[in-house]
Amino acid sequence: MGIKKKSDINWTEGLIIDKLTGHLLGNSTVRYFLNNLYVFSNSWESDYLSLTKSGYLYEGEVKISRGDFKADFKKEKKHLLLETKYNGKSLTDNDLCPHYFFYAVPEGLIDVSEVPEYAGLVYATTYYPYVKWVKKPPLLHKEKYDDTTLNLQEKFYYNMINWKRKALKDFPNKLNHMKKLLNESKTDDSGKVHPYTL
């Protein structure tokens, strides 16, 4: 079948997050992988976030189009905080932000010269290991975090409730899809009809 060219891949945020979670940082170093979670004072949603066992946070901002990448810079508070931390300063006494911040995009979508000094760049690829560092992110600060500092218990609970609501909302559509598949698969290649039950 061969390797698909990058233009043949329908990149989605979910596909890139799957590649990051599976291949970017070793499972032996990561304590939690988090997706689409507000961790930093509800200032912005983190597409990909991993907390290492040593207390460091890696945040990946996933972009699948150039317009989406450029629109990210409208989040002025976020970028001001990241740049301020990169320059060794603070805006307030409790500035929570990741230790490492990077953009994750389909291979070749943006050039390393377009990435701010305080950010890294990783390409999602169609070949193993499926992610490629183009620019390693610099360390923004050395303050370590734990579950309590980040209030993760409450955030996990909130997201669990939201995921449950979404799953219940999607369930009828998935059930109807499965019924349709079952109806189509009742007849085998010889034309014999097989009964089924749900």
Protein backbone atom coordinates (compact mmCIF):
# COMPACT_ATOMS: atom_id res chain seq x y z
CA MET A 1 0.00 0.00 0.00
CA GLY A 2 2.92 2.34 0.69
CA ILE A 3 3.35 5.43 2.84
CA LYS A 4 0.74 8.15 2.38
CA LYS A 5 1.97 11.55 1.34
CA LYS A 6 1.26 14.31 3.83
CA SER A 7 -1.35 15.77 1.46
CA ASP A 8 -3.29 12.48 1.65
CA ILE A 9 -3.75 12.73 5.43
CA ASN A 10 -6.83 14.44 6.81
CA TRP A 11 -5.15 15.94 9.87
CA THR A 12 -7.38 16.64 12.85
CA GLU A 13 -6.58 17.93 16.30
CA GLY A 14 -7.48 14.52 17.75
CA LEU A 15 -5.12 12.67 15.40
CA ILE A 16 -2.21 14.94 16.29
CA ILE A 17 -2.98 14.65 20.02
CA ASP A 18 -2.98 10.84 19.67
CA LYS A 19 0.48 10.99 18.06
CA LEU A 20 1.78 13.34 20.78
CA THR A 21 0.40 11.18 23.59
CA GLY A 22 1.78 7.98 22.12
CA HIS A 23 5.20 9.09 20.97
CA LEU A 24 6.40 12.48 22.25
CA LEU A 25 7.39 11.80 25.86
CA GLY A 26 8.19 8.41 27.34
CA ASN A 27 5.45 6.82 29.45
CA SER A 28 8.04 6.22 32.16
CA THR A 29 8.51 10.00 32.64
CA VAL A 30 4.87 11.15 32.37
CA ARG A 31 2.44 11.10 35.27
CA TYR A 32 -0.61 12.51 33.43
CA PHE A 33 -1.58 13.21 29.84
CA LEU A 34 -4.35 15.82 29.65
CA ASN A 35 -6.26 17.03 26.61
CA ASN A 36 -8.50 20.06 26.18
CA LEU A 37 -8.33 21.13 29.79
CA TYR A 38 -8.29 24.58 31.42
CA VAL A 39 -5.39 24.39 33.88
CA PHE A 40 -3.91 27.88 33.93
CA SER A 41 -6.43 30.03 35.87
CA ASN A 42 -9.02 29.34 33.15
CA SER A 43 -7.07 31.73 30.93
CA TRP A 44 -6.77 29.29 28.07
CA GLU A 45 -7.53 25.70 27.14
CA SER A 46 -4.56 23.39 26.71
CA ASP A 47 -4.89 21.13 23.67
CA TYR A 48 -2.17 18.76 24.94
CA LEU A 49 -0.67 18.83 28.40
CA SER A 50 1.58 16.36 30.14
CA LEU A 51 2.75 16.51 33.73
CA THR A 52 5.98 14.61 34.30
CA LYS A 53 6.70 12.65 37.46
CA SER A 54 9.29 15.30 38.35
CA GLY A 55 6.65 18.08 38.28
CA TYR A 56 7.23 19.69 34.87
CA LEU A 57 4.43 20.60 32.45
CA TYR A 58 4.72 20.33 28.67
CA GLU A 59 1.96 22.13 26.77
CA GLY A 60 1.31 21.63 23.09
CA GLU A 61 -0.89 23.97 21.10
CA VAL A 62 -2.23 21.90 18.18
CA LYS A 63 -2.82 23.70 14.90
CA ILE A 64 -4.06 22.13 11.65
CA SER A 65 -4.15 25.25 9.46
CA ARG A 66 -2.05 28.36 9.03
CA GLY A 67 -5.06 30.55 9.86
CA ASP A 68 -5.56 28.64 13.11
CA PHE A 69 -1.88 29.16 13.95
CA LYS A 70 -2.04 32.92 13.32
CA ALA A 71 -5.29 33.23 15.30
CA ASP A 72 -3.55 31.80 18.38
CA PHE A 73 -1.64 35.06 18.81
CA LYS A 74 -4.94 36.85 19.51
CA LYS A 75 -4.76 35.19 22.95
CA GLU A 76 -2.70 38.11 24.19
CA LYS A 77 -2.80 37.28 27.92
CA LYS A 78 -1.45 33.78 27.26
CA HIS A 79 1.41 34.93 25.05
CA LEU A 80 2.31 37.83 27.34
CA LEU A 81 2.59 35.38 30.25
CA LEU A 82 4.69 32.89 28.26
CA GLU A 83 7.03 35.61 27.00
CA THR A 84 7.32 37.19 30.46
CA LYS A 85 8.23 33.83 32.03
CA TYR A 86 10.72 33.17 29.21
CA ASN A 87 12.40 36.48 30.09
CA GLY A 88 12.68 35.41 33.76
CA LYS A 89 9.96 37.72 35.11
CA SER A 90 6.45 37.39 36.55
CA LEU A 91 3.21 39.28 35.99
CA THR A 92 1.69 38.35 39.36
CA ASP A 93 2.67 36.24 42.36
CA ASN A 94 0.81 33.16 41.12
CA ASP A 95 1.49 33.03 37.40
CA LEU A 96 0.77 29.43 36.48
CA CYS A 97 2.09 28.46 33.08
CA PRO A 98 3.79 25.43 31.55
CA HIS A 99 7.51 24.82 31.88
CA TYR A 100 7.72 24.04 28.16
CA PHE A 101 5.37 25.35 25.45
CA PHE A 102 5.33 24.18 21.84
CA TYR A 103 3.23 24.12 18.68
CA ALA A 104 2.27 20.77 17.20
CA VAL A 105 1.34 20.90 13.52
CA PRO A 106 1.25 18.66 10.45
CA GLU A 107 4.70 18.37 8.93
CA GLY A 108 5.68 21.50 7.00
CA LEU A 109 2.58 23.56 7.92
CA ILE A 110 4.63 26.31 9.55
CA ASP A 111 8.32 27.13 9.50
CA VAL A 112 10.50 27.27 12.58
CA SER A 113 11.14 30.99 11.88
CA GLU A 114 7.44 31.69 12.56
CA VAL A 115 7.60 30.29 16.10
CA PRO A 116 8.25 32.71 18.99
CA GLU A 117 11.48 32.38 20.99
CA TYR A 118 9.58 31.03 24.01
CA ALA A 119 7.97 28.19 22.02
CA GLY A 120 9.06 24.95 20.43
CA LEU A 121 7.82 23.25 17.28
CA VAL A 122 7.00 19.61 16.68
CA TYR A 123 5.80 18.12 13.39
CA ALA A 124 3.24 15.33 13.28
CA THR A 125 4.39 12.87 10.61
CA THR A 126 3.07 9.78 8.83
CA TYR A 127 6.20 7.77 9.65
CA TYR A 128 7.61 6.39 12.90
CA PRO A 129 8.00 7.84 15.50
CA TYR A 130 5.14 10.02 14.15
CA VAL A 131 6.41 13.20 15.82
CA LYS A 132 9.59 15.12 15.03
CA TRP A 133 11.05 17.94 17.08
CA VAL A 134 11.95 20.81 14.76
CA LYS A 135 12.71 23.18 17.63
CA LYS A 136 12.95 22.06 21.25
CA PRO A 137 11.06 24.42 23.58
CA PRO A 138 13.12 26.39 26.09
CA LEU A 139 12.55 26.00 29.82
CA LEU A 140 10.27 28.91 30.86
CA HIS A 141 10.67 28.53 34.62
CA LYS A 142 11.80 26.01 37.27
CA GLU A 143 8.88 26.12 39.76
CA LYS A 144 7.57 22.55 40.06
CA TYR A 145 3.87 21.74 40.20
CA ASP A 146 1.88 19.01 41.87
CA ASP A 147 -1.78 17.95 41.79
CA THR A 148 -2.71 20.39 44.55
CA THR A 149 -1.00 23.42 43.01
CA LEU A 150 -2.81 22.82 39.72
CA ASN A 151 -6.12 21.84 41.37
CA LEU A 152 -6.22 18.79 39.10
CA GLN A 153 -8.72 16.80 41.16
CA GLU A 154 -11.46 19.39 40.63
CA LYS A 155 -10.55 19.82 36.96
CA PHE A 156 -10.58 16.06 36.34
CA TYR A 157 -14.01 15.82 37.98
CA TYR A 158 -15.39 18.70 35.88
CA ASN A 159 -14.07 17.14 32.68
CA MET A 160 -15.35 13.68 33.61
CA ILE A 161 -18.87 15.15 33.95
CA ASN A 162 -18.54 16.93 30.59
CA TRP A 163 -17.18 13.82 28.85
CA LYS A 164 -20.06 11.78 30.28
CA ARG A 165 -22.62 14.31 29.01
CA LYS A 166 -21.02 14.27 25.57
CA ALA A 167 -20.94 10.47 25.47
CA LEU A 168 -24.62 10.27 26.43
CA LYS A 169 -25.49 12.85 23.77
CA ASP A 170 -23.54 10.92 21.10
CA PHE A 171 -24.83 7.49 22.16
CA PRO A 172 -28.08 7.47 20.07
CA ASN A 173 -26.15 8.34 16.90
CA LYS A 174 -23.58 5.61 17.54
CA LEU A 175 -26.32 3.09 18.34
CA ASN A 176 -28.15 3.89 15.07
CA HIS A 177 -24.87 3.55 13.17
CA MET A 178 -24.25 0.12 14.74
CA LYS A 179 -27.81 -1.00 13.90
CA LYS A 180 -27.23 0.03 10.28
CA LEU A 181 -23.96 -1.91 10.17
CA LEU A 182 -25.64 -4.95 11.69
CA ASN A 183 -28.47 -4.79 9.14
CA GLU A 184 -25.94 -4.66 6.31
CA SER A 185 -23.94 -7.56 7.75
CA LYS A 186 -26.87 -10.00 8.26
CA THR A 187 -26.28 -11.58 4.86
CA ASP A 188 -23.07 -13.51 4.24
CA ASP A 189 -21.25 -13.88 0.90
CA SER A 190 -23.37 -16.91 -0.08
CA GLY A 191 -26.61 -14.94 0.43
CA LYS A 192 -27.60 -16.76 3.60
CA VAL A 193 -29.40 -14.50 6.14
CA HIS A 194 -28.23 -14.75 9.76
CA PRO A 195 -30.43 -13.58 12.66
CA TYR A 196 -28.93 -11.20 15.21
CA THR A 197 -29.91 -9.43 18.38
CA LEU A 198 -28.69 -6.26 20.01
